[in-house]
Amino acid sequence: MSRWLPYPLLSTGLLAMWLLLNESVAPGTVILGGILALGASWALIALRPAKARVRRPGVAVRLALMVVADIVRSNIAVAGIISGLGRRDRRSGFVRIPLELRDPYGLTALACIITATPGTLWIEYDSETQAVLIHVLDLVDEDAWVRLIKRRYEQRLLEIFE
């Protein structure tokens, strides 16, 4: 089974997405989607992704709930900024944050968290200096952003992945 279908969840998900995007379950659509899903699954074998090792699943669940709450809170704040409510002297800017996190899955999770939160965007990661550059829509205090990312997200991601 694993030789013919190395990543069954990936293949199933890709096939389902193909059928949803095509809005059809005609035999030709299903066959073509199945071939594409199998091809993508076999192509992933060549990449040989390392297995993610989640060490503390309870922390991961708490982090996910915290991120959802932060996204809701940030949506409200960005809506206020866009509608012109509040103070007028807002400025956006870039913040460089040094990281201790080295795990590629942890870095990916942090990139997703930062980018999914309205008002912030992951710009680049410098592997030599181990620092990330983010853009913040309402930048008041750079040090506060560094503390927020390191304490709120990086610390938990270190517990989960390293």
N, C-alpha and C. Protein backbone atom coordinates (compact mmCIF):
# COMPACT_ATOMS: atom_id res chain seq x y z
N MET A 1 0.82 -1.20 0.00
CA MET A 1 0.00 0.00 0.00
C MET A 1 0.86 1.25 0.00
N SER A 2 1.92 1.27 0.84
CA SER A 2 2.72 2.48 0.94
C SER A 2 3.55 2.71 -0.32
N ARG A 3 3.86 1.65 -1.06
CA ARG A 3 4.62 1.82 -2.30
C ARG A 3 3.77 2.48 -3.37
N TRP A 4 2.52 2.09 -3.47
CA TRP A 4 1.63 2.65 -4.48
C TRP A 4 0.97 3.93 -4.02
N LEU A 5 0.79 4.06 -2.73
CA LEU A 5 0.13 5.25 -2.18
C LEU A 5 0.92 5.72 -0.96
N PRO A 6 2.06 6.40 -1.19
CA PRO A 6 2.95 6.74 -0.08
C PRO A 6 2.36 7.75 0.92
N TYR A 7 1.55 8.65 0.46
CA TYR A 7 0.93 9.66 1.33
C TYR A 7 -0.58 9.64 1.10
N PRO A 8 -1.28 8.70 1.73
CA PRO A 8 -2.71 8.54 1.44
C PRO A 8 -3.55 9.76 1.81
N LEU A 9 -3.24 10.42 2.93
CA LEU A 9 -4.02 11.61 3.30
C LEU A 9 -3.81 12.75 2.30
N LEU A 10 -2.57 12.92 1.86
CA LEU A 10 -2.28 13.94 0.86
C LEU A 10 -3.03 13.64 -0.44
N SER A 11 -2.96 12.41 -0.89
CA SER A 11 -3.63 12.03 -2.14
C SER A 11 -5.14 12.23 -2.03
N THR A 12 -5.71 11.82 -0.92
CA THR A 12 -7.15 11.99 -0.71
C THR A 12 -7.52 13.46 -0.69
N GLY A 13 -6.74 14.25 0.01
CA GLY A 13 -7.01 15.69 0.08
C GLY A 13 -6.90 16.36 -1.27
N LEU A 14 -5.87 16.00 -2.03
CA LEU A 14 -5.71 16.59 -3.37
C LEU A 14 -6.85 16.18 -4.30
N LEU A 15 -7.25 14.93 -4.23
CA LEU A 15 -8.37 14.48 -5.06
C LEU A 15 -9.65 15.22 -4.67
N ALA A 16 -9.90 15.35 -3.39
CA ALA A 16 -11.10 16.07 -2.93
C ALA A 16 -11.07 17.52 -3.39
N MET A 17 -9.91 18.16 -3.28
CA MET A 17 -9.79 19.55 -3.72
C MET A 17 -10.01 19.65 -5.23
N TRP A 18 -9.48 18.71 -6.00
CA TRP A 18 -9.66 18.70 -7.44
C TRP A 18 -11.15 18.58 -7.80
N LEU A 19 -11.84 17.70 -7.12
CA LEU A 19 -13.26 17.52 -7.40
C LEU A 19 -14.06 18.76 -7.00
N LEU A 20 -13.71 19.36 -5.88
CA LEU A 20 -14.41 20.58 -5.46
C LEU A 20 -14.16 21.74 -6.43
N LEU A 21 -12.93 21.90 -6.86
CA LEU A 21 -12.62 22.98 -7.78
C LEU A 21 -13.26 22.79 -9.15
N ASN A 22 -13.39 21.54 -9.56
CA ASN A 22 -14.02 21.26 -10.85
C ASN A 22 -15.54 21.18 -10.77
N GLU A 23 -16.05 21.13 -9.54
CA GLU A 23 -17.50 21.03 -9.31
C GLU A 23 -18.13 19.89 -10.11
N SER A 24 -17.42 18.76 -10.12
CA SER A 24 -17.91 17.62 -10.89
C SER A 24 -17.36 16.33 -10.30
N VAL A 25 -18.17 15.29 -10.36
CA VAL A 25 -17.72 13.96 -10.00
C VAL A 25 -17.88 13.02 -11.19
N ALA A 26 -17.78 13.57 -12.38
CA ALA A 26 -17.83 12.77 -13.61
C ALA A 26 -16.64 11.81 -13.61
N PRO A 27 -16.80 10.66 -14.23
CA PRO A 27 -15.72 9.66 -14.22
C PRO A 27 -14.37 10.22 -14.72
N GLY A 28 -14.39 11.00 -15.77
CA GLY A 28 -13.14 11.57 -16.30
C GLY A 28 -12.48 12.50 -15.30
N THR A 29 -13.26 13.29 -14.60
CA THR A 29 -12.72 14.22 -13.61
C THR A 29 -12.12 13.45 -12.44
N VAL A 30 -12.80 12.40 -12.02
CA VAL A 30 -12.29 11.58 -10.90
C VAL A 30 -11.00 10.87 -11.31
N ILE A 31 -10.96 10.32 -12.51
CA ILE A 31 -9.76 9.60 -12.97
C ILE A 31 -8.58 10.56 -13.10
N LEU A 32 -8.80 11.70 -13.75
CA LEU A 32 -7.72 12.68 -13.91
C LEU A 32 -7.25 13.20 -12.55
N GLY A 33 -8.19 13.49 -11.66
CA GLY A 33 -7.82 13.94 -10.32
C GLY A 33 -7.04 12.88 -9.56
N GLY A 34 -7.44 11.62 -9.70
CA GLY A 34 -6.72 10.52 -9.05
C GLY A 34 -5.30 10.40 -9.58
N ILE A 35 -5.14 10.53 -10.88
CA ILE A 35 -3.80 10.45 -11.48
C ILE A 35 -2.93 11.60 -10.98
N LEU A 36 -3.49 12.80 -10.95
CA LEU A 36 -2.74 13.96 -10.46
C LEU A 36 -2.39 13.82 -8.97
N ALA A 37 -3.32 13.32 -8.18
CA ALA A 37 -3.08 13.14 -6.75
C ALA A 37 -1.98 12.11 -6.51
N LEU A 38 -2.03 10.99 -7.25
CA LEU A 38 -0.98 9.97 -7.12
C LEU A 38 0.36 10.52 -7.58
N GLY A 39 0.36 11.27 -8.68
CA GLY A 39 1.61 11.86 -9.18
C GLY A 39 2.22 12.81 -8.17
N ALA A 40 1.39 13.63 -7.56
CA ALA A 40 1.90 14.57 -6.55
C ALA A 40 2.43 13.81 -5.34
N SER A 41 1.76 12.75 -4.96
CA SER A 41 2.19 11.95 -3.83
C SER A 41 3.54 11.28 -4.12
N TRP A 42 3.71 10.76 -5.33
CA TRP A 42 4.98 10.15 -5.71
C TRP A 42 6.08 11.20 -5.83
N ALA A 43 5.73 12.40 -6.31
CA ALA A 43 6.73 13.47 -6.42
C ALA A 43 7.23 13.88 -5.04
N LEU A 44 6.39 13.80 -4.06
CA LEU A 44 6.78 14.18 -2.70
C LEU A 44 7.81 13.20 -2.13
N ILE A 45 7.80 11.97 -2.61
CA ILE A 45 8.79 10.99 -2.16
C ILE A 45 10.19 11.48 -2.50
N ALA A 46 10.35 12.08 -3.69
CA ALA A 46 11.67 12.57 -4.11
C ALA A 46 12.17 13.69 -3.21
N LEU A 47 11.26 14.45 -2.64
CA LEU A 47 11.66 15.55 -1.76
C LEU A 47 12.09 15.05 -0.38
N ARG A 48 11.59 13.89 0.00
CA ARG A 48 11.91 13.26 1.28
C ARG A 48 11.79 14.23 2.46
N PRO A 49 10.60 14.73 2.71
CA PRO A 49 10.46 15.65 3.84
C PRO A 49 10.72 14.93 5.16
N ALA A 50 11.39 15.63 6.05
CA ALA A 50 11.67 15.06 7.37
C ALA A 50 10.36 14.95 8.16
N LYS A 51 10.30 13.96 8.99
CA LYS A 51 9.10 13.78 9.82
C LYS A 51 9.06 14.86 10.90
N ALA A 52 7.90 15.45 11.05
CA ALA A 52 7.71 16.43 12.13
C ALA A 52 7.51 15.66 13.43
N ARG A 53 8.20 16.11 14.48
CA ARG A 53 8.05 15.46 15.77
C ARG A 53 7.47 16.46 16.74
N VAL A 54 6.21 16.29 17.04
CA VAL A 54 5.53 17.16 18.00
C VAL A 54 5.75 16.56 19.38
N ARG A 55 6.47 17.29 20.21
CA ARG A 55 6.83 16.77 21.52
C ARG A 55 5.77 17.03 22.58
N ARG A 56 5.03 18.12 22.45
CA ARG A 56 4.03 18.49 23.46
C ARG A 56 2.73 18.86 22.78
N PRO A 57 1.87 17.89 22.46
CA PRO A 57 0.63 18.18 21.75
C PRO A 57 -0.32 19.09 22.53
N GLY A 58 -0.30 19.02 23.85
CA GLY A 58 -1.16 19.90 24.65
C GLY A 58 -0.80 21.36 24.46
N VAL A 59 0.51 21.64 24.37
CA VAL A 59 0.96 23.01 24.13
C VAL A 59 0.53 23.44 22.74
N ALA A 60 0.56 22.52 21.78
CA ALA A 60 0.15 22.83 20.41
C ALA A 60 -1.33 23.23 20.36
N VAL A 61 -2.16 22.53 21.10
CA VAL A 61 -3.58 22.86 21.14
C VAL A 61 -3.80 24.24 21.77
N ARG A 62 -3.11 24.50 22.88
CA ARG A 62 -3.24 25.82 23.52
C ARG A 62 -2.73 26.94 22.62
N LEU A 63 -1.64 26.67 21.89
CA LEU A 63 -1.11 27.65 20.95
C LEU A 63 -2.12 27.93 19.84
N ALA A 64 -2.73 26.88 19.31
CA ALA A 64 -3.72 27.06 18.25
C ALA A 64 -4.89 27.91 18.72
N LEU A 65 -5.37 27.67 19.93
CA LEU A 65 -6.47 28.47 20.47
C LEU A 65 -6.04 29.93 20.68
N MET A 66 -4.82 30.12 21.13
CA MET A 66 -4.30 31.46 21.32
C MET A 66 -4.19 32.20 19.98
N VAL A 67 -3.74 31.50 18.96
CA VAL A 67 -3.60 32.10 17.63
C VAL A 67 -4.96 32.50 17.08
N VAL A 68 -5.96 31.65 17.25
CA VAL A 68 -7.32 32.00 16.78
C VAL A 68 -7.81 33.27 17.49
N ALA A 69 -7.61 33.35 18.80
CA ALA A 69 -8.02 34.54 19.54
C ALA A 69 -7.24 35.77 19.07
N ASP A 70 -5.94 35.62 18.81
CA ASP A 70 -5.14 36.73 18.32
C ASP A 70 -5.59 37.20 16.94
N ILE A 71 -5.96 36.26 16.09
CA ILE A 71 -6.44 36.61 14.74
C ILE A 71 -7.74 37.39 14.83
N VAL A 72 -8.65 36.97 15.69
CA VAL A 72 -9.91 37.70 15.87
C VAL A 72 -9.63 39.10 16.40
N ARG A 73 -8.80 39.20 17.42
CA ARG A 73 -8.45 40.49 18.01
C ARG A 73 -7.78 41.40 16.97
N SER A 74 -6.90 40.85 16.19
CA SER A 74 -6.18 41.63 15.18
C SER A 74 -7.11 42.06 14.05
N ASN A 75 -8.08 41.23 13.69
CA ASN A 75 -9.06 41.62 12.68
C ASN A 75 -9.83 42.86 13.13
N ILE A 76 -10.21 42.87 14.38
CA ILE A 76 -10.94 44.02 14.92
C ILE A 76 -10.06 45.27 14.91
N ALA A 77 -8.79 45.11 15.30
CA ALA A 77 -7.87 46.26 15.32
C ALA A 77 -7.62 46.79 13.91
N VAL A 78 -7.42 45.91 12.95
CA VAL A 78 -7.17 46.35 11.57
C VAL A 78 -8.42 47.00 10.99
N ALA A 79 -9.58 46.48 11.32
CA ALA A 79 -10.82 47.11 10.85
C ALA A 79 -10.93 48.53 11.39
N GLY A 80 -10.53 48.73 12.64
CA GLY A 80 -10.53 50.08 13.21
C GLY A 80 -9.55 51.00 12.51
N ILE A 81 -8.39 50.48 12.16
CA ILE A 81 -7.39 51.28 11.45
C ILE A 81 -7.90 51.67 10.06
N ILE A 82 -8.46 50.70 9.36
CA ILE A 82 -8.94 50.95 8.00
C ILE A 82 -10.11 51.93 8.00
N SER A 83 -10.99 51.82 8.99
CA SER A 83 -12.15 52.72 9.04
C SER A 83 -11.80 54.10 9.59
N GLY A 84 -10.56 54.29 10.05
CA GLY A 84 -10.13 55.60 10.52
C GLY A 84 -10.46 55.89 11.97
N LEU A 85 -10.87 54.89 12.71
CA LEU A 85 -11.18 55.09 14.12
C LEU A 85 -9.89 55.15 14.93
N GLY A 86 -9.91 55.84 16.04
CA GLY A 86 -8.73 55.90 16.91
C GLY A 86 -7.77 56.99 16.50
N ARG A 87 -6.55 56.81 16.92
CA ARG A 87 -5.55 57.86 16.67
C ARG A 87 -5.13 57.92 15.20
N ARG A 88 -4.67 59.06 14.79
CA ARG A 88 -4.33 59.29 13.38
C ARG A 88 -2.84 59.15 13.08
N ASP A 89 -2.00 59.14 14.08
CA ASP A 89 -0.55 59.13 13.86
C ASP A 89 0.01 57.71 13.80
N ARG A 90 -0.59 56.89 13.03
CA ARG A 90 -0.14 55.50 12.89
C ARG A 90 0.97 55.43 11.86
N ARG A 91 1.90 54.51 12.12
CA ARG A 91 2.95 54.29 11.14
C ARG A 91 3.21 52.79 11.05
N SER A 92 3.52 52.36 9.86
CA SER A 92 3.89 50.96 9.69
C SER A 92 5.40 50.87 9.62
N GLY A 93 5.92 49.68 9.79
CA GLY A 93 7.37 49.53 9.73
C GLY A 93 7.80 48.08 9.82
N PHE A 94 9.11 47.90 9.76
CA PHE A 94 9.71 46.58 9.79
C PHE A 94 10.38 46.34 11.14
N VAL A 95 10.32 45.10 11.60
CA VAL A 95 10.94 44.71 12.85
C VAL A 95 11.76 43.45 12.60
N ARG A 96 13.02 43.47 13.02
CA ARG A 96 13.87 42.28 12.93
C ARG A 96 13.87 41.59 14.29
N ILE A 97 13.53 40.30 14.28
CA ILE A 97 13.39 39.54 15.52
C ILE A 97 14.39 38.38 15.51
N PRO A 98 15.34 38.37 16.44
CA PRO A 98 16.28 37.24 16.53
C PRO A 98 15.54 36.02 17.11
N LEU A 99 15.78 34.86 16.53
CA LEU A 99 15.07 33.66 16.95
C LEU A 99 16.03 32.60 17.48
N GLU A 100 15.54 31.83 18.43
CA GLU A 100 16.24 30.65 18.91
C GLU A 100 15.72 29.40 18.19
N LEU A 101 14.55 29.50 17.62
CA LEU A 101 13.88 28.39 16.95
C LEU A 101 14.66 27.99 15.70
N ARG A 102 14.98 26.70 15.55
CA ARG A 102 15.73 26.22 14.40
C ARG A 102 14.98 25.16 13.60
N ASP A 103 14.01 24.51 14.21
CA ASP A 103 13.27 23.45 13.55
C ASP A 103 12.51 24.00 12.35
N PRO A 104 12.66 23.39 11.16
CA PRO A 104 11.98 23.92 9.98
C PRO A 104 10.45 23.92 10.11
N TYR A 105 9.89 22.92 10.79
CA TYR A 105 8.44 22.90 10.98
C TYR A 105 8.01 23.99 11.96
N GLY A 106 8.82 24.24 12.97
CA GLY A 106 8.53 25.32 13.91
C GLY A 106 8.60 26.67 13.23
N LEU A 107 9.62 26.86 12.38
CA LEU A 107 9.73 28.12 11.64
C LEU A 107 8.56 28.30 10.67
N THR A 108 8.15 27.21 10.05
CA THR A 108 7.00 27.27 9.15
C THR A 108 5.74 27.64 9.91
N ALA A 109 5.56 27.04 11.07
CA ALA A 109 4.38 27.37 11.89
C ALA A 109 4.41 28.83 12.31
N LEU A 110 5.57 29.33 12.69
CA LEU A 110 5.69 30.74 13.08
C LEU A 110 5.39 31.65 11.90
N ALA A 111 5.88 31.30 10.72
CA ALA A 111 5.59 32.09 9.52
C ALA A 111 4.09 32.12 9.24
N CYS A 112 3.42 30.99 9.39
CA CYS A 112 1.97 30.93 9.18
C CYS A 112 1.23 31.76 10.21
N ILE A 113 1.65 31.69 11.45
CA ILE A 113 1.00 32.45 12.52
C ILE A 113 1.12 33.94 12.25
N ILE A 114 2.34 34.39 11.96
CA ILE A 114 2.57 35.82 11.74
C ILE A 114 1.82 36.31 10.52
N THR A 115 1.86 35.56 9.43
CA THR A 115 1.23 36.00 8.19
C THR A 115 -0.29 35.89 8.27
N ALA A 116 -0.81 34.93 9.01
CA ALA A 116 -2.27 34.78 9.13
C ALA A 116 -2.89 35.83 10.03
N THR A 117 -2.08 36.48 10.84
CA THR A 117 -2.60 37.49 11.74
C THR A 117 -2.66 38.82 11.01
N PRO A 118 -3.83 39.38 10.81
CA PRO A 118 -3.95 40.65 10.08
C PRO A 118 -3.11 41.74 10.73
N GLY A 119 -2.43 42.51 9.88
CA GLY A 119 -1.60 43.60 10.37
C GLY A 119 -0.14 43.23 10.48
N THR A 120 0.20 41.95 10.32
CA THR A 120 1.60 41.52 10.35
C THR A 120 1.88 40.64 9.15
N LEU A 121 3.14 40.65 8.72
CA LEU A 121 3.54 39.85 7.57
C LEU A 121 4.99 39.41 7.72
N TRP A 122 5.24 38.12 7.53
CA TRP A 122 6.59 37.56 7.56
C TRP A 122 7.24 37.95 6.23
N ILE A 123 8.34 38.68 6.27
CA ILE A 123 9.00 39.13 5.06
C ILE A 123 10.14 38.21 4.66
N GLU A 124 11.09 37.97 5.58
CA GLU A 124 12.20 37.10 5.25
C GLU A 124 12.78 36.47 6.52
N TYR A 125 13.46 35.37 6.29
CA TYR A 125 14.19 34.71 7.37
C TYR A 125 15.65 34.62 6.94
N ASP A 126 16.54 35.14 7.75
CA ASP A 126 17.97 35.09 7.48
C ASP A 126 18.56 33.95 8.30
N SER A 127 18.94 32.88 7.62
CA SER A 127 19.45 31.70 8.33
C SER A 127 20.84 31.93 8.93
N GLU A 128 21.57 32.90 8.41
CA GLU A 128 22.89 33.18 8.97
C GLU A 128 22.79 33.88 10.33
N THR A 129 21.91 34.86 10.42
CA THR A 129 21.76 35.60 11.69
C THR A 129 20.64 35.02 12.55
N GLN A 130 19.91 34.03 12.02
CA GLN A 130 18.79 33.41 12.72
C GLN A 130 17.77 34.46 13.15
N ALA A 131 17.44 35.37 12.22
CA ALA A 131 16.49 36.43 12.53
C ALA A 131 15.42 36.49 11.45
N VAL A 132 14.24 36.89 11.85
CA VAL A 132 13.13 37.05 10.92
C VAL A 132 12.81 38.55 10.82
N LEU A 133 12.44 38.96 9.62
CA LEU A 133 12.02 40.33 9.40
C LEU A 133 10.51 40.31 9.17
N ILE A 134 9.77 41.07 9.98
CA ILE A 134 8.32 41.13 9.80
C ILE A 134 7.92 42.58 9.54
N HIS A 135 6.79 42.73 8.87
CA HIS A 135 6.21 44.06 8.66
C HIS A 135 4.99 44.17 9.55
N VAL A 136 4.87 45.31 10.23
CA VAL A 136 3.77 45.55 11.15
C VAL A 136 3.00 46.77 10.68
N LEU A 137 1.69 46.65 10.58
CA LEU A 137 0.84 47.74 10.10
C LEU A 137 0.82 48.91 11.07
N ASP A 138 0.72 48.64 12.35
CA ASP A 138 0.65 49.69 13.37
C ASP A 138 1.82 49.52 14.34
N LEU A 139 2.98 50.04 13.94
CA LEU A 139 4.20 49.86 14.73
C LEU A 139 4.35 51.01 15.72
N VAL A 140 4.20 50.70 16.99
CA VAL A 140 4.36 51.69 18.04
C VAL A 140 5.70 51.48 18.74
N ASP A 141 5.97 50.23 19.13
CA ASP A 141 7.18 49.91 19.89
C ASP A 141 7.79 48.62 19.34
N GLU A 142 8.97 48.74 18.73
CA GLU A 142 9.63 47.57 18.15
C GLU A 142 9.96 46.52 19.22
N ASP A 143 10.45 46.97 20.37
CA ASP A 143 10.81 46.03 21.44
C ASP A 143 9.60 45.24 21.93
N ALA A 144 8.45 45.88 21.95
CA ALA A 144 7.22 45.18 22.36
C ALA A 144 6.89 44.07 21.37
N TRP A 145 7.11 44.31 20.08
CA TRP A 145 6.84 43.28 19.07
C TRP A 145 7.83 42.12 19.21
N VAL A 146 9.08 42.44 19.48
CA VAL A 146 10.07 41.38 19.67
C VAL A 146 9.68 40.51 20.87
N ARG A 147 9.33 41.15 21.97
CA ARG A 147 8.92 40.40 23.17
C ARG A 147 7.67 39.58 22.89
N LEU A 148 6.70 40.16 22.19
CA LEU A 148 5.45 39.46 21.89
C LEU A 148 5.70 38.19 21.09
N ILE A 149 6.45 38.31 20.01
CA ILE A 149 6.70 37.14 19.14
C ILE A 149 7.51 36.09 19.91
N LYS A 150 8.53 36.50 20.63
CA LYS A 150 9.38 35.55 21.33
C LYS A 150 8.65 34.86 22.49
N ARG A 151 7.93 35.62 23.27
CA ARG A 151 7.27 35.04 24.45
C ARG A 151 5.98 34.31 24.09
N ARG A 152 5.21 34.89 23.22
CA ARG A 152 3.88 34.35 22.95
C ARG A 152 3.93 33.16 21.99
N TYR A 153 4.78 33.25 20.96
CA TYR A 153 4.78 32.21 19.93
C TYR A 153 6.05 31.36 19.94
N GLU A 154 7.22 32.01 19.86
CA GLU A 154 8.45 31.24 19.74
C GLU A 154 8.66 30.31 20.94
N GLN A 155 8.41 30.79 22.13
CA GLN A 155 8.60 29.98 23.33
C GLN A 155 7.76 28.71 23.26
N ARG A 156 6.52 28.83 22.84
CA ARG A 156 5.64 27.66 22.75
C ARG A 156 6.06 26.74 21.61
N LEU A 157 6.49 27.32 20.48
CA LEU A 157 6.93 26.50 19.36
C LEU A 157 8.21 25.74 19.72
N LEU A 158 9.06 26.33 20.52
CA LEU A 158 10.25 25.61 21.00
C LEU A 158 9.83 24.41 21.85
N GLU A 159 8.82 24.58 22.69
CA GLU A 159 8.33 23.46 23.51
C GLU A 159 7.75 22.36 22.63
N ILE A 160 7.08 22.75 21.56
CA ILE A 160 6.41 21.78 20.71
C ILE A 160 7.38 21.01 19.83
N PHE A 161 8.33 21.71 19.19
CA PHE A 161 9.17 21.09 18.17
C PHE A 161 10.60 20.77 18.59
N GLU A 162 11.13 21.41 19.62
CA GLU A 162 12.55 21.17 19.93
C GLU A 162 12.72 20.62 21.34
